């Protein structure tokens, strides 16, 4: 089961990495956290609750401003945390 969850997370990150440049002006760290929380079936009403849910689930996310535009460096640091 754990192997399936890892594969799912890697797939989500791979898709997000490919899609992110197309929506670069609209994608923020908070929006990505929200999508990530929904993909892992965690409660996420907004960016702050998504971040709290992910941290509560044991993910050691980097300290990033939720309104900051998502960059490749941010994706790398988030990927390392997962």
Protein backbone atom coordinates (compact mmCIF):
# COMPACT_ATOMS: atom_id res chain seq x y z
CA UNK A 1 0.00 0.00 0.00
CA UNK A 2 2.80 2.41 0.86
CA UNK A 3 4.44 1.76 -2.52
CA UNK A 4 1.16 2.64 -4.28
CA UNK A 5 0.90 5.89 -2.31
CA UNK A 6 4.46 6.85 -3.24
CA UNK A 7 3.75 6.14 -6.89
CA UNK A 8 0.62 8.29 -6.71
CA UNK A 9 2.52 11.19 -5.17
CA UNK A 10 5.27 10.91 -7.78
CA UNK A 11 2.64 10.86 -10.53
CA UNK A 12 0.96 13.98 -9.11
CA UNK A 13 4.26 15.80 -8.93
CA UNK A 14 5.21 14.75 -12.46
CA UNK A 15 1.90 15.97 -13.87
CA UNK A 16 2.13 19.21 -11.90
CA UNK A 17 5.66 19.79 -13.17
CA UNK A 18 4.54 19.37 -16.77
CA UNK A 19 1.34 21.43 -16.39
CA UNK A 20 2.71 24.21 -14.16
CA UNK A 21 4.42 26.22 -16.94
CA UNK A 22 1.13 26.41 -18.85
CA UNK A 23 -0.55 28.03 -15.86
CA UNK A 24 2.53 29.80 -14.47
CA UNK A 25 0.83 33.11 -13.86
CA UNK A 26 -2.01 31.49 -11.90
CA UNK A 27 -0.21 28.79 -9.90
CA UNK A 28 0.83 29.67 -6.38
CA UNK A 29 2.34 27.54 -3.65
CA UNK A 30 -1.01 27.59 -1.86
CA UNK A 31 -2.88 26.44 -4.96
CA UNK A 32 -0.42 23.58 -5.42
CA UNK A 33 -0.78 22.57 -1.75
CA UNK A 34 -4.56 22.55 -2.22
CA UNK A 35 -4.31 20.31 -5.27
CA UNK A 36 -1.83 18.05 -3.51
CA UNK A 37 -4.07 17.73 -0.45
CA UNK A 38 -7.05 16.86 -2.63
CA UNK A 39 -4.99 14.26 -4.50
CA UNK A 40 -4.11 12.62 -1.20
CA UNK A 41 -7.76 12.76 -0.02
CA UNK A 42 -7.08 15.24 2.78
CA UNK A 43 -9.43 18.02 3.87
CA UNK A 44 -8.62 21.26 2.07
CA UNK A 45 -11.00 24.21 1.94
CA UNK A 46 -8.28 26.73 1.15
CA UNK A 47 -4.50 26.97 0.91
CA UNK A 48 -3.95 27.36 4.66
CA UNK A 49 -6.10 24.35 5.55
CA UNK A 50 -4.44 22.30 2.80
CA UNK A 51 -1.00 23.12 4.20
CA UNK A 52 -2.16 22.28 7.73
CA UNK A 53 -3.65 18.98 6.54
CA UNK A 54 -0.47 18.00 4.71
CA UNK A 55 1.70 18.89 7.70
CA UNK A 56 -0.70 16.99 9.98
CA UNK A 57 -0.37 13.95 7.72
CA UNK A 58 3.37 13.98 8.37
CA UNK A 59 4.72 15.80 5.33
CA UNK A 60 7.66 18.05 6.25
CA UNK A 61 6.82 20.86 3.81
CA UNK A 62 9.25 23.75 3.35
CA UNK A 63 8.34 27.16 4.78
CA UNK A 64 7.00 28.98 1.70
CA UNK A 65 4.54 31.86 1.45
CA UNK A 66 1.21 30.51 0.21
CA UNK A 67 0.64 33.45 -2.16
CA UNK A 68 4.10 33.08 -3.76
CA UNK A 69 4.21 32.00 -7.42
CA UNK A 70 5.26 28.38 -7.75
CA UNK A 71 8.77 27.95 -9.20
CA UNK A 72 10.85 24.94 -10.17
CA UNK A 73 12.90 25.41 -7.01
CA UNK A 74 9.73 25.30 -4.94
CA UNK A 75 8.67 22.12 -6.69
CA UNK A 76 12.05 20.57 -5.94
CA UNK A 77 11.89 21.45 -2.26
CA UNK A 78 8.30 20.20 -1.98
CA UNK A 79 9.23 16.98 -3.84
CA UNK A 80 12.10 16.38 -1.43
CA UNK A 81 9.70 16.80 1.48
CA UNK A 82 7.37 14.17 0.06
